[in-house]
């Protein structure tokens, strides 16, 4: 027995759209709407547009395209941060070591700048 095509489509389709603000996934009834949480958070910064009424599918596609661009940029930044983290640690001259408080050439550590003498002692 086979199921009609429209039954499978109904399961994957959502009854609600998502908020129009980037990054917000709360449900709204129309694609260009803003959810109650975003209205509360952004208040008077949100402005009603005077654009003519558009097809909901067109608005949803436009918002999806915008969100895809933002996700791509975030991935690029994350990849760049990972590449920088695997490179050599940053060293600077004339920094104050967080352990011995002497001004030396130090390497940036999570606790602060650390000279090579203290690094050899602390391991």
PDB file of N, CA and C in Angstrom:
ATOM      1  N   UNK A   1       0.840  -1.177   0.000  1.00  0.00           N
ATOM      2  CA  UNK A   1       0.000   0.000   0.000  1.00  0.00           C
ATOM      3  C   UNK A   1       0.887   1.243   0.000  1.00  0.00           C
ATOM      4  N   UNK A   2       0.598   2.177  -0.840  1.00  0.00           N
ATOM      5  CA  UNK A   2       1.382   3.411  -0.916  1.00  0.00           C
ATOM      6  C   UNK A   2       0.601   4.561  -0.307  1.00  0.00           C
ATOM      7  N   UNK A   3       1.342   5.535   0.194  1.00  0.00           N
ATOM      8  CA  UNK A   3       0.699   6.718   0.757  1.00  0.00           C
ATOM      9  C   UNK A   3       0.729   7.833  -0.270  1.00  0.00           C
ATOM     10  N   UNK A   4      -0.288   8.672  -0.299  1.00  0.00           N
ATOM     11  CA  UNK A   4      -0.315   9.782  -1.241  1.00  0.00           C
ATOM     12  C   UNK A   4       0.851  10.736  -0.993  1.00  0.00           C
ATOM     13  N   UNK A   5       1.302  11.402  -2.042  1.00  0.00           N
ATOM     14  CA  UNK A   5       2.443  12.318  -1.962  1.00  0.00           C
ATOM     15  C   UNK A   5       2.162  13.484  -1.030  1.00  0.00           C
ATOM     16  N   UNK A   6       0.910  13.933  -0.993  1.00  0.00           N
ATOM     17  CA  UNK A   6       0.616  15.104  -0.160  1.00  0.00           C
ATOM     18  C   UNK A   6       0.698  14.796   1.334  1.00  0.00           C
ATOM     19  N   UNK A   7       0.583  13.544   1.737  1.00  0.00           N
ATOM     20  CA  UNK A   7       0.688  13.178   3.149  1.00  0.00           C
ATOM     21  C   UNK A   7       2.128  13.353   3.619  1.00  0.00           C
ATOM     22  N   UNK A   8       3.098  12.892   2.856  1.00  0.00           N
ATOM     23  CA  UNK A   8       4.513  13.054   3.207  1.00  0.00           C
ATOM     24  C   UNK A   8       4.920  14.506   3.242  1.00  0.00           C
ATOM     25  N   UNK A   9       4.387  15.311   2.334  1.00  0.00           N
ATOM     26  CA  UNK A   9       4.709  16.733   2.305  1.00  0.00           C
ATOM     27  C   UNK A   9       4.173  17.426   3.538  1.00  0.00           C
ATOM     28  N   UNK A  10       3.000  16.999   4.007  1.00  0.00           N
ATOM     29  CA  UNK A  10       2.405  17.627   5.178  1.00  0.00           C
ATOM     30  C   UNK A  10       3.233  17.366   6.425  1.00  0.00           C
ATOM     31  N   UNK A  11       3.881  16.229   6.503  1.00  0.00           N
ATOM     32  CA  UNK A  11       4.683  15.899   7.667  1.00  0.00           C
ATOM     33  C   UNK A  11       5.941  16.761   7.712  1.00  0.00           C
ATOM     34  N   UNK A  12       6.581  17.014   6.569  1.00  0.00           N
ATOM     35  CA  UNK A  12       7.818  17.781   6.549  1.00  0.00           C
ATOM     36  C   UNK A  12       7.573  19.278   6.585  1.00  0.00           C
ATOM     37  N   UNK A  13       6.415  19.750   6.160  1.00  0.00           N
ATOM     38  CA  UNK A  13       6.127  21.179   6.173  1.00  0.00           C
ATOM     39  C   UNK A  13       5.792  21.610   7.587  1.00  0.00           C
ATOM     40  N   UNK A  14       6.105  22.847   7.898  1.00  0.00           N
ATOM     41  CA  UNK A  14       5.839  23.371   9.230  1.00  0.00           C
ATOM     42  C   UNK A  14       4.578  24.215   9.196  1.00  0.00           C
ATOM     43  N   UNK A  15       3.850  24.208  10.298  1.00  0.00           N
ATOM     44  CA  UNK A  15       2.662  25.053  10.394  1.00  0.00           C
ATOM     45  C   UNK A  15       3.042  26.511  10.573  1.00  0.00           C
ATOM     46  N   UNK A  16       4.240  26.767  11.067  1.00  0.00           N
ATOM     47  CA  UNK A  16       4.680  28.125  11.347  1.00  0.00           C
ATOM     48  C   UNK A  16       5.930  28.476  10.564  1.00  0.00           C
ATOM     49  N   UNK A  17       6.140  29.755  10.378  1.00  0.00           N
ATOM     50  CA  UNK A  17       7.388  30.273   9.820  1.00  0.00           C
ATOM     51  C   UNK A  17       8.291  30.611  11.000  1.00  0.00           C
ATOM     52  N   UNK A  18       9.527  31.025  10.727  1.00  0.00           N
ATOM     53  CA  UNK A  18      10.412  31.455  11.811  1.00  0.00           C
ATOM     54  C   UNK A  18      10.520  32.971  11.813  1.00  0.00           C
ATOM     55  N   UNK A  19      10.892  33.523  12.943  1.00  0.00           N
ATOM     56  CA  UNK A  19      11.033  34.966  13.128  1.00  0.00           C
ATOM     57  C   UNK A  19      11.930  35.556  12.031  1.00  0.00           C
ATOM     58  N   UNK A  20      11.612  36.778  11.602  1.00  0.00           N
ATOM     59  CA  UNK A  20      12.347  37.415  10.510  1.00  0.00           C
ATOM     60  C   UNK A  20      13.725  37.912  10.916  1.00  0.00           C
ATOM     61  N   UNK A  21      14.005  38.015  12.208  1.00  0.00           N
ATOM     62  CA  UNK A  21      15.306  38.514  12.640  1.00  0.00           C
ATOM     63  C   UNK A  21      16.359  37.420  12.539  1.00  0.00           C
ATOM     64  N   UNK A  22      17.557  37.762  12.057  1.00  0.00           N
ATOM     65  CA  UNK A  22      18.613  36.759  11.886  1.00  0.00           C
ATOM     66  C   UNK A  22      18.956  36.063  13.188  1.00  0.00           C
ATOM     67  N   UNK A  23      19.071  34.744  13.127  1.00  0.00           N
ATOM     68  CA  UNK A  23      19.466  33.956  14.273  1.00  0.00           C
ATOM     69  C   UNK A  23      18.331  33.521  15.181  1.00  0.00           C
ATOM     70  N   UNK A  24      17.173  34.125  15.066  1.00  0.00           N
ATOM     71  CA  UNK A  24      16.043  33.761  15.918  1.00  0.00           C
ATOM     72  C   UNK A  24      15.243  32.657  15.234  1.00  0.00           C
ATOM     73  N   UNK A  25      14.921  31.615  15.985  1.00  0.00           N
ATOM     74  CA  UNK A  25      14.205  30.471  15.421  1.00  0.00           C
ATOM     75  C   UNK A  25      12.803  30.320  15.998  1.00  0.00           C
ATOM     76  N   UNK A  26      12.291  31.327  16.730  1.00  0.00           N
ATOM     77  CA  UNK A  26      10.951  31.225  17.302  1.00  0.00           C
ATOM     78  C   UNK A  26       9.894  31.270  16.204  1.00  0.00           C
ATOM     79  N   UNK A  27       8.804  30.553  16.385  1.00  0.00           N
ATOM     80  CA  UNK A  27       7.766  30.494  15.359  1.00  0.00           C
ATOM     81  C   UNK A  27       6.908  31.757  15.311  1.00  0.00           C
ATOM     82  N   UNK A  28       6.492  32.103  14.098  1.00  0.00           N
ATOM     83  CA  UNK A  28       5.549  33.193  13.836  1.00  0.00           C
ATOM     84  C   UNK A  28       4.570  32.700  12.781  1.00  0.00           C
ATOM     85  N   UNK A  29       3.472  33.412  12.593  1.00  0.00           N
ATOM     86  CA  UNK A  29       2.464  32.951  11.631  1.00  0.00           C
ATOM     87  C   UNK A  29       2.747  33.387  10.208  1.00  0.00           C
ATOM     88  N   UNK A  30       3.424  34.517  10.018  1.00  0.00           N
ATOM     89  CA  UNK A  30       3.743  35.017   8.672  1.00  0.00           C
ATOM     90  C   UNK A  30       5.251  35.170   8.536  1.00  0.00           C
ATOM     91  N   UNK A  31       5.819  34.933   7.340  1.00  0.00           N
ATOM     92  CA  UNK A  31       7.273  34.937   7.166  1.00  0.00           C
ATOM     93  C   UNK A  31       7.959  36.248   7.541  1.00  0.00           C
ATOM     94  N   UNK A  32       7.327  37.384   7.353  1.00  0.00           N
ATOM     95  CA  UNK A  32       7.985  38.659   7.632  1.00  0.00           C
ATOM     96  C   UNK A  32       7.732  39.148   9.053  1.00  0.00           C
ATOM     97  N   UNK A  33       7.042  38.369   9.885  1.00  0.00           N
ATOM     98  CA  UNK A  33       6.740  38.774  11.259  1.00  0.00           C
ATOM     99  C   UNK A  33       7.952  38.601  12.171  1.00  0.00           C
ATOM    100  N   UNK A  34       7.897  39.330  13.282  1.00  0.00           N
ATOM    101  CA  UNK A  34       8.912  39.233  14.325  1.00  0.00           C
ATOM    102  C   UNK A  34       8.236  38.619  15.546  1.00  0.00           C
ATOM    103  N   UNK A  35       8.910  37.702  16.208  1.00  0.00           N
ATOM    104  CA  UNK A  35       8.319  37.024  17.367  1.00  0.00           C
ATOM    105  C   UNK A  35       8.191  37.979  18.561  1.00  0.00           C
ATOM    106  N   UNK A  36       7.402  37.564  19.541  1.00  0.00           N
ATOM    107  CA  UNK A  36       7.162  38.392  20.727  1.00  0.00           C
ATOM    108  C   UNK A  36       8.445  38.641  21.511  1.00  0.00           C
ATOM    109  N   UNK A  37       9.330  37.646  21.585  1.00  0.00           N
ATOM    110  CA  UNK A  37      10.592  37.818  22.316  1.00  0.00           C
ATOM    111  C   UNK A  37      11.462  38.900  21.679  1.00  0.00           C
ATOM    112  N   UNK A  38      11.539  38.896  20.355  1.00  0.00           N
ATOM    113  CA  UNK A  38      12.344  39.907  19.659  1.00  0.00           C
ATOM    114  C   UNK A  38      11.688  41.284  19.765  1.00  0.00           C
ATOM    115  N   UNK A  39      10.355  41.335  19.719  1.00  0.00           N
ATOM    116  CA  UNK A  39       9.658  42.615  19.904  1.00  0.00           C
ATOM    117  C   UNK A  39       9.982  43.201  21.275  1.00  0.00           C
ATOM    118  N   UNK A  40      10.000  42.359  22.292  1.00  0.00           N
ATOM    119  CA  UNK A  40      10.322  42.820  23.644  1.00  0.00           C
ATOM    120  C   UNK A  40      11.780  43.264  23.721  1.00  0.00           C
ATOM    121  N   UNK A  41      12.673  42.472  23.139  1.00  0.00           N
ATOM    122  CA  UNK A  41      14.106  42.764  23.225  1.00  0.00           C
ATOM    123  C   UNK A  41      14.495  44.012  22.442  1.00  0.00           C
ATOM    124  N   UNK A  42      13.911  44.196  21.259  1.00  0.00           N
ATOM    125  CA  UNK A  42      14.344  45.283  20.389  1.00  0.00           C
ATOM    126  C   UNK A  42      13.398  46.482  20.391  1.00  0.00           C
ATOM    127  N   UNK A  43      12.186  46.299  20.893  1.00  0.00           N
ATOM    128  CA  UNK A  43      11.227  47.384  21.107  1.00  0.00           C
ATOM    129  C   UNK A  43      11.149  48.409  19.995  1.00  0.00           C
ATOM    130  N   UNK A  44      11.504  49.640  20.318  1.00  0.00           N
ATOM    131  CA  UNK A  44      11.347  50.757  19.383  1.00  0.00           C
ATOM    132  C   UNK A  44      12.353  50.732  18.233  1.00  0.00           C
ATOM    133  N   UNK A  45      13.343  49.834  18.283  1.00  0.00           N
ATOM    134  CA  UNK A  45      14.295  49.744  17.172  1.00  0.00           C
ATOM    135  C   UNK A  45      13.666  49.078  15.951  1.00  0.00           C
ATOM    136  N   UNK A  46      12.578  48.339  16.147  1.00  0.00           N
ATOM    137  CA  UNK A  46      11.879  47.702  15.030  1.00  0.00           C
ATOM    138  C   UNK A  46      10.913  48.700  14.418  1.00  0.00           C
ATOM    139  N   UNK A  47      10.859  48.740  13.110  1.00  0.00           N
ATOM    140  CA  UNK A  47       9.969  49.648  12.390  1.00  0.00           C
ATOM    141  C   UNK A  47       9.096  48.856  11.427  1.00  0.00           C
ATOM    142  N   UNK A  48       7.839  49.220  11.346  1.00  0.00           N
ATOM    143  CA  UNK A  48       6.917  48.619  10.390  1.00  0.00           C
ATOM    144  C   UNK A  48       7.279  49.120   8.989  1.00  0.00           C
ATOM    145  N   UNK A  49       7.353  48.227   8.026  1.00  0.00           N
ATOM    146  CA  UNK A  49       7.681  48.642   6.663  1.00  0.00           C
ATOM    147  C   UNK A  49       6.418  49.084   5.932  1.00  0.00           C
ATOM    148  N   UNK A  50       6.620  49.881   4.905  1.00  0.00           N
ATOM    149  CA  UNK A  50       5.497  50.353   4.097  1.00  0.00           C
ATOM    150  C   UNK A  50       5.503  49.703   2.727  1.00  0.00           C
ATOM    151  N   UNK A  51       6.219  48.588   2.608  1.00  0.00           N
ATOM    152  CA  UNK A  51       6.283  47.867   1.336  1.00  0.00           C
ATOM    153  C   UNK A  51       4.926  47.260   1.016  1.00  0.00           C
ATOM    154  N   UNK A  52       4.655  47.072  -0.273  1.00  0.00           N
ATOM    155  CA  UNK A  52       3.403  46.386  -0.635  1.00  0.00           C
ATOM    156  C   UNK A  52       3.433  44.937  -0.164  1.00  0.00           C
ATOM    157  N   UNK A  53       2.271  44.337  -0.005  1.00  0.00           N
ATOM    158  CA  UNK A  53       2.159  42.949   0.451  1.00  0.00           C
ATOM    159  C   UNK A  53       2.844  42.043  -0.572  1.00  0.00           C
ATOM    160  N   UNK A  54       3.687  41.146  -0.064  1.00  0.00           N
ATOM    161  CA  UNK A  54       4.429  40.234  -0.940  1.00  0.00           C
ATOM    162  C   UNK A  54       4.010  38.814  -0.673  1.00  0.00           C
ATOM    163  N   UNK A  55       4.318  37.961  -1.607  1.00  0.00           N
ATOM    164  CA  UNK A  55       4.027  36.532  -1.490  1.00  0.00           C
ATOM    165  C   UNK A  55       4.835  35.956  -0.325  1.00  0.00           C
ATOM    166  N   UNK A  56       4.190  35.220   0.596  1.00  0.00           N
ATOM    167  CA  UNK A  56       4.907  34.643   1.736  1.00  0.00           C
ATOM    168  C   UNK A  56       6.075  33.738   1.324  1.00  0.00           C
ATOM    169  N   UNK A  57       5.928  33.012   0.251  1.00  0.00           N
ATOM    170  CA  UNK A  57       7.015  32.150  -0.232  1.00  0.00           C
ATOM    171  C   UNK A  57       8.230  32.954  -0.658  1.00  0.00           C
ATOM    172  N   UNK A  58       7.988  34.100  -1.296  1.00  0.00           N
ATOM    173  CA  UNK A  58       9.074  34.979  -1.734  1.00  0.00           C
ATOM    174  C   UNK A  58       9.822  35.535  -0.517  1.00  0.00           C
ATOM    175  N   UNK A  59       9.073  35.962   0.489  1.00  0.00           N
ATOM    176  CA  UNK A  59       9.688  36.493   1.708  1.00  0.00           C
ATOM    177  C   UNK A  59      10.504  35.414   2.409  1.00  0.00           C
ATOM    178  N   UNK A  60       9.948  34.216   2.535  1.00  0.00           N
ATOM    179  CA  UNK A  60      10.643  33.109   3.195  1.00  0.00           C
ATOM    180  C   UNK A  60      11.937  32.763   2.454  1.00  0.00           C
ATOM    181  N   UNK A  61      11.898  32.755   1.118  1.00  0.00           N
ATOM    182  CA  UNK A  61      13.093  32.450   0.326  1.00  0.00           C
ATOM    183  C   UNK A  61      14.163  33.528   0.513  1.00  0.00           C
ATOM    184  N   UNK A  62      13.732  34.781   0.559  1.00  0.00           N
ATOM    185  CA  UNK A  62      14.662  35.892   0.752  1.00  0.00           C
ATOM    186  C   UNK A  62      15.335  35.812   2.132  1.00  0.00           C
ATOM    187  N   UNK A  63      14.545  35.516   3.166  1.00  0.00           N
ATOM    188  CA  UNK A  63      15.104  35.388   4.508  1.00  0.00           C
ATOM    189  C   UNK A  63      16.044  34.185   4.607  1.00  0.00           C
ATOM    190  N   UNK A  64      15.697  33.081   3.949  1.00  0.00           N
ATOM    191  CA  UNK A  64      16.559  31.897   3.956  1.00  0.00           C
ATOM    192  C   UNK A  64      17.895  32.198   3.290  1.00  0.00           C
ATOM    193  N   UNK A  65      17.850  32.914   2.169  1.00  0.00           N
ATOM    194  CA  UNK A  65      19.080  33.270   1.469  1.00  0.00           C
ATOM    195  C   UNK A  65      19.954  34.149   2.365  1.00  0.00           C
ATOM    196  N   UNK A  66      19.350  35.124   3.047  1.00  0.00           N
ATOM    197  CA  UNK A  66      20.095  36.003   3.938  1.00  0.00           C
ATOM    198  C   UNK A  66      20.724  35.200   5.075  1.00  0.00           C
ATOM    199  N   UNK A  67      19.965  34.289   5.669  1.00  0.00           N
ATOM    200  CA  UNK A  67      20.477  33.481   6.778  1.00  0.00           C
ATOM    201  C   UNK A  67      21.595  32.550   6.327  1.00  0.00           C
ATOM    202  N   UNK A  68      21.493  32.029   5.103  1.00  0.00           N
ATOM    203  CA  UNK A  68      22.554  31.164   4.577  1.00  0.00           C
ATOM    204  C   UNK A  68      23.866  31.935   4.438  1.00  0.00           C
ATOM    205  N   UNK A  69      23.787  33.194   3.999  1.00  0.00           N
ATOM    206  CA  UNK A  69      24.983  34.032   3.870  1.00  0.00           C
ATOM    207  C   UNK A  69      25.607  34.263   5.249  1.00  0.00           C
ATOM    208  N   UNK A  70      24.778  34.540   6.256  1.00  0.00           N
ATOM    209  CA  UNK A  70      25.274  34.771   7.611  1.00  0.00           C
ATOM    210  C   UNK A  70      25.940  33.512   8.149  1.00  0.00           C
ATOM    211  N   UNK A  71      25.326  32.342   7.970  1.00  0.00           N
ATOM    212  CA  UNK A  71      25.916  31.082   8.433  1.00  0.00           C
ATOM    213  C   UNK A  71      27.268  30.825   7.769  1.00  0.00           C
ATOM    214  N   UNK A  72      27.356  31.128   6.467  1.00  0.00           N
ATOM    215  CA  UNK A  72      28.614  30.946   5.738  1.00  0.00           C
ATOM    216  C   UNK A  72      29.700  31.830   6.327  1.00  0.00           C
ATOM    217  N   UNK A  73      29.369  33.076   6.625  1.00  0.00           N
ATOM    218  CA  UNK A  73      30.349  34.001   7.224  1.00  0.00           C
ATOM    219  C   UNK A  73      30.803  33.514   8.596  1.00  0.00           C
ATOM    220  N   UNK A  74      29.862  33.026   9.413  1.00  0.00           N
ATOM    221  CA  UNK A  74      30.217  32.500  10.725  1.00  0.00           C
ATOM    222  C   UNK A  74      31.155  31.313  10.589  1.00  0.00           C
ATOM    223  N   UNK A  75      30.883  30.421   9.638  1.00  0.00           N
ATOM    224  CA  UNK A  75      31.759  29.265   9.426  1.00  0.00           C
ATOM    225  C   UNK A  75      33.160  29.709   9.016  1.00  0.00           C
ATOM    226  N   UNK A  76      33.235  30.722   8.137  1.00  0.00           N
ATOM    227  CA  UNK A  76      34.541  31.230   7.706  1.00  0.00           C
ATOM    228  C   UNK A  76      35.312  31.788   8.894  1.00  0.00           C
ATOM    229  N   UNK A  77      34.651  32.541   9.756  1.00  0.00           N
ATOM    230  CA  UNK A  77      35.321  33.108  10.924  1.00  0.00           C
ATOM    231  C   UNK A  77      35.762  32.021  11.888  1.00  0.00           C
ATOM    232  N   UNK A  78      34.934  31.022  12.084  1.00  0.00           N
ATOM    233  CA  UNK A  78      35.280  29.924  12.977  1.00  0.00           C
ATOM    234  C   UNK A  78      36.481  29.163  12.439  1.00  0.00           C
ATOM    235  N   UNK A  79      36.495  28.906  11.148  1.00  0.00           N
ATOM    236  CA  UNK A  79      37.617  28.213  10.520  1.00  0.00           C
ATOM    237  C   UNK A  79      38.884  29.033  10.659  1.00  0.00           C
ATOM    238  N   UNK A  80      38.797  30.346  10.485  1.00  0.00           N
ATOM    239  CA  UNK A  80      39.956  31.222  10.619  1.00  0.00           C
ATOM    240  C   UNK A  80      40.471  31.186  12.043  1.00  0.00           C
ATOM    241  N   UNK A  81      39.569  31.232  13.034  1.00  0.00           N
ATOM    242  CA  UNK A  81      39.977  31.190  14.439  1.00  0.00           C
ATOM    243  C   UNK A  81      40.691  29.887  14.765  1.00  0.00           C
ATOM    244  N   UNK A  82      40.223  28.776  14.220  1.00  0.00           N
ATOM    245  CA  UNK A  82      40.860  27.484  14.459  1.00  0.00           C
ATOM    246  C   UNK A  82      42.247  27.480  13.842  1.00  0.00           C
ATOM    247  N   UNK A  83      42.393  28.025  12.636  1.00  0.00           N
ATOM    248  CA  UNK A  83      43.701  28.080  11.990  1.00  0.00           C
ATOM    249  C   UNK A  83      44.683  28.917  12.803  1.00  0.00           C
ATOM    250  N   UNK A  84      44.201  30.047  13.361  1.00  0.00           N
ATOM    251  CA  UNK A  84      45.072  30.888  14.172  1.00  0.00           C
ATOM    252  C   UNK A  84      45.459  30.192  15.462  1.00  0.00           C
ATOM    253  N   UNK A  85      44.550  29.418  16.034  1.00  0.00           N
ATOM    254  CA  UNK A  85      44.834  28.732  17.293  1.00  0.00           C
ATOM    255  C   UNK A  85      45.903  27.662  17.127  1.00  0.00           C
ATOM    256  N   UNK A  86      46.007  27.069  15.955  1.00  0.00           N
ATOM    257  CA  UNK A  86      47.006  26.035  15.723  1.00  0.00           C
ATOM    258  C   UNK A  86      48.367  26.617  15.355  1.00  0.00           C
ATOM    259  N   UNK A  87      48.455  27.929  15.121  1.00  0.00           N
ATOM    260  CA  UNK A  87      49.731  28.538  14.786  1.00  0.00           C
ATOM    261  C   UNK A  87      50.545  28.766  16.065  1.00  0.00           C
ATOM    262  N   UNK A  88      51.735  29.285  15.925  1.00  0.00           N
ATOM    263  CA  UNK A  88      52.614  29.536  17.060  1.00  0.00           C
ATOM    264  C   UNK A  88      51.980  30.545  18.016  1.00  0.00           C
ATOM    265  N   UNK A  89      52.203  30.387  19.331  1.00  0.00           N
ATOM    266  CA  UNK A  89      51.661  31.347  20.290  1.00  0.00           C
ATOM    267  C   UNK A  89      52.300  32.725  20.110  1.00  0.00           C
ATOM    268  N   UNK A  90      51.542  33.737  20.419  1.00  0.00           N
ATOM    269  CA  UNK A  90      51.998  35.114  20.239  1.00  0.00           C
ATOM    270  C   UNK A  90      53.066  35.464  21.274  1.00  0.00           C
ATOM    271  N   UNK A  91      54.161  36.091  20.806  1.00  0.00           N
ATOM    272  CA  UNK A  91      55.221  36.557  21.698  1.00  0.00           C
ATOM    273  C   UNK A  91      55.408  38.048  21.507  1.00  0.00           C
ATOM    274  N   UNK A  92      55.673  38.743  22.594  1.00  0.00           N
ATOM    275  CA  UNK A  92      55.938  40.182  22.525  1.00  0.00           C
ATOM    276  C   UNK A  92      57.059  40.535  23.491  1.00  0.00           C
ATOM    277  N   UNK A  93      57.837  41.533  23.078  1.00  0.00           N
ATOM    278  CA  UNK A  93      58.888  42.039  23.946  1.00  0.00           C
ATOM    279  C   UNK A  93      58.304  43.063  24.906  1.00  0.00           C
ATOM    280  N   UNK A  94      58.960  43.231  26.015  1.00  0.00           N
ATOM    281  CA  UNK A  94      58.642  44.246  27.017  1.00  0.00           C
ATOM    282  C   UNK A  94      57.254  44.064  27.636  1.00  0.00           C
ATOM    283  N   UNK A  95      56.882  42.817  27.885  1.00  0.00           N
ATOM    284  CA  UNK A  95      55.629  42.520  28.595  1.00  0.00           C
ATOM    285  C   UNK A  95      55.952  42.165  30.037  1.00  0.00           C
ATOM    286  N   UNK A  96      55.016  42.372  30.924  1.00  0.00           N
ATOM    287  CA  UNK A  96      55.230  42.023  32.325  1.00  0.00           C
ATOM    288  C   UNK A  96      54.715  40.602  32.537  1.00  0.00           C
ATOM    289  N   UNK A  97      55.631  39.726  32.968  1.00  0.00           N
ATOM    290  CA  UNK A  97      55.285  38.326  33.208  1.00  0.00           C
ATOM    291  C   UNK A  97      54.320  38.247  34.383  1.00  0.00           C
ATOM    292  N   UNK A  98      53.280  37.466  34.233  1.00  0.00           N
ATOM    293  CA  UNK A  98      52.271  37.370  35.290  1.00  0.00           C
ATOM    294  C   UNK A  98      52.778  36.604  36.510  1.00  0.00           C
ATOM    295  N   UNK A  99      53.869  35.840  36.363  1.00  0.00           N
ATOM    296  CA  UNK A  99      54.411  35.081  37.494  1.00  0.00           C
ATOM    297  C   UNK A  99      55.516  35.843  38.238  1.00  0.00           C
ATOM    298  N   UNK A 100      56.540  36.253  37.523  1.00  0.00           N
ATOM    299  CA  UNK A 100      57.677  36.897  38.186  1.00  0.00           C
ATOM    300  C   UNK A 100      57.574  38.421  38.193  1.00  0.00           C
ATOM    301  N   UNK A 101      56.618  38.970  37.495  1.00  0.00           N
ATOM    302  CA  UNK A 101      56.348  40.424  37.369  1.00  0.00           C
ATOM    303  C   UNK A 101      57.527  41.209  36.804  1.00  0.00           C
ATOM    304  N   UNK A 102      58.441  40.532  36.110  1.00  0.00           N
ATOM    305  CA  UNK A 102      59.547  41.201  35.435  1.00  0.00           C
ATOM    306  C   UNK A 102      59.122  41.546  34.009  1.00  0.00           C
ATOM    307  N   UNK A 103      59.704  42.629  33.472  1.00  0.00           N
ATOM    308  CA  UNK A 103      59.405  43.025  32.097  1.00  0.00           C
ATOM    309  C   UNK A 103      60.376  42.277  31.181  1.00  0.00           C
ATOM    310  N   UNK A 104      59.827  41.387  30.344  1.00  0.00           N
ATOM    311  CA  UNK A 104      60.635  40.531  29.473  1.00  0.00           C
ATOM    312  C   UNK A 104      59.910  40.253  28.162  1.00  0.00           C
ATOM    313  N   UNK A 105      60.562  39.457  27.316  1.00  0.00           N
ATOM    314  CA  UNK A 105      59.886  38.931  26.129  1.00  0.00           C
ATOM    315  C   UNK A 105      59.038  37.769  26.612  1.00  0.00           C
ATOM    316  N   UNK A 106      57.718  37.879  26.400  1.00  0.00           N
ATOM    317  CA  UNK A 106      56.790  36.899  26.960  1.00  0.00           C
ATOM    318  C   UNK A 106      55.921  36.287  25.874  1.00  0.00           C
ATOM    319  N   UNK A 107      55.339  35.159  26.222  1.00  0.00           N
ATOM    320  CA  UNK A 107      54.397  34.452  25.362  1.00  0.00           C
ATOM    321  C   UNK A 107      53.019  34.573  25.985  1.00  0.00           C
ATOM    322  N   UNK A 108      52.012  34.820  25.138  1.00  0.00           N
ATOM    323  CA  UNK A 108      50.647  34.936  25.658  1.00  0.00           C
ATOM    324  C   UNK A 108      50.134  33.563  26.076  1.00  0.00           C
ATOM    325  N   UNK A 109      49.674  33.481  27.318  1.00  0.00           N
ATOM    326  CA  UNK A 109      49.071  32.279  27.866  1.00  0.00           C
ATOM    327  C   UNK A 109      47.658  32.627  28.321  1.00  0.00           C
ATOM    328  N   UNK A 110      46.877  31.625  28.694  1.00  0.00           N
ATOM    329  CA  UNK A 110      45.510  31.891  29.131  1.00  0.00           C
ATOM    330  C   UNK A 110      45.472  32.740  30.405  1.00  0.00           C
ATOM    331  N   UNK A 111      46.488  32.624  31.258  1.00  0.00           N
ATOM    332  CA  UNK A 111      46.526  33.388  32.509  1.00  0.00           C
ATOM    333  C   UNK A 111      47.134  34.778  32.326  1.00  0.00           C
ATOM    334  N   UNK A 112      47.839  35.010  31.232  1.00  0.00           N
ATOM    335  CA  UNK A 112      48.494  36.298  30.981  1.00  0.00           C
ATOM    336  C   UNK A 112      49.803  36.073  30.248  1.00  0.00           C
ATOM    337  N   UNK A 113      50.657  37.105  30.224  1.00  0.00           N
ATOM    338  CA  UNK A 113      51.957  36.992  29.569  1.00  0.00           C
ATOM    339  C   UNK A 113      52.909  36.234  30.474  1.00  0.00           C
ATOM    340  N   UNK A 114      53.694  35.319  29.880  1.00  0.00           N
ATOM    341  CA  UNK A 114      54.602  34.481  30.657  1.00  0.00           C
ATOM    342  C   UNK A 114      55.966  34.459  29.989  1.00  0.00           C
ATOM    343  N   UNK A 115      57.013  34.773  30.763  1.00  0.00           N
ATOM    344  CA  UNK A 115      58.371  34.754  30.201  1.00  0.00           C
ATOM    345  C   UNK A 115      58.850  33.312  30.056  1.00  0.00           C
ATOM    346  N   UNK A 116      59.901  33.109  29.277  1.00  0.00           N
ATOM    347  CA  UNK A 116      60.353  31.734  29.041  1.00  0.00           C
ATOM    348  C   UNK A 116      60.997  31.115  30.273  1.00  0.00           C
ATOM    349  N   UNK A 117      61.563  31.925  31.178  1.00  0.00           N
ATOM    350  CA  UNK A 117      62.126  31.375  32.415  1.00  0.00           C
ATOM    351  C   UNK A 117      61.022  30.780  33.290  1.00  0.00           C
ATOM    352  N   UNK A 118      59.922  31.496  33.450  1.00  0.00           N
ATOM    353  CA  UNK A 118      58.798  30.991  34.251  1.00  0.00           C
ATOM    354  C   UNK A 118      58.127  29.807  33.562  1.00  0.00           C
ATOM    355  N   UNK A 119      58.057  29.844  32.242  1.00  0.00           N
ATOM    356  CA  UNK A 119      57.463  28.744  31.498  1.00  0.00           C
ATOM    357  C   UNK A 119      58.273  27.464  31.694  1.00  0.00           C
ATOM    358  N   UNK A 120      59.624  27.610  31.789  1.00  0.00           N
ATOM    359  CA  UNK A 120      60.470  26.442  32.011  1.00  0.00           C
ATOM    360  C   UNK A 120      60.258  25.867  33.407  1.00  0.00           C
ATOM    361  N   UNK A 121      59.979  26.717  34.372  1.00  0.00           N
ATOM    362  CA  UNK A 121      59.753  26.257  35.741  1.00  0.00           C
ATOM    363  C   UNK A 121      58.398  25.609  35.887  1.00  0.00           C
ATOM    364  N   UNK A 122      57.357  26.261  35.295  1.00  0.00           N
ATOM    365  CA  UNK A 122      55.989  25.747  35.445  1.00  0.00           C
ATOM    366  C   UNK A 122      55.694  24.593  34.502  1.00  0.00           C
ATOM    367  N   UNK A 123      56.484  24.455  33.454  1.00  0.00           N
ATOM    368  CA  UNK A 123      56.307  23.337  32.541  1.00  0.00           C
ATOM    369  C   UNK A 123      55.247  23.600  31.607  1.00  0.00           C
TER     370      UNK A 123
END
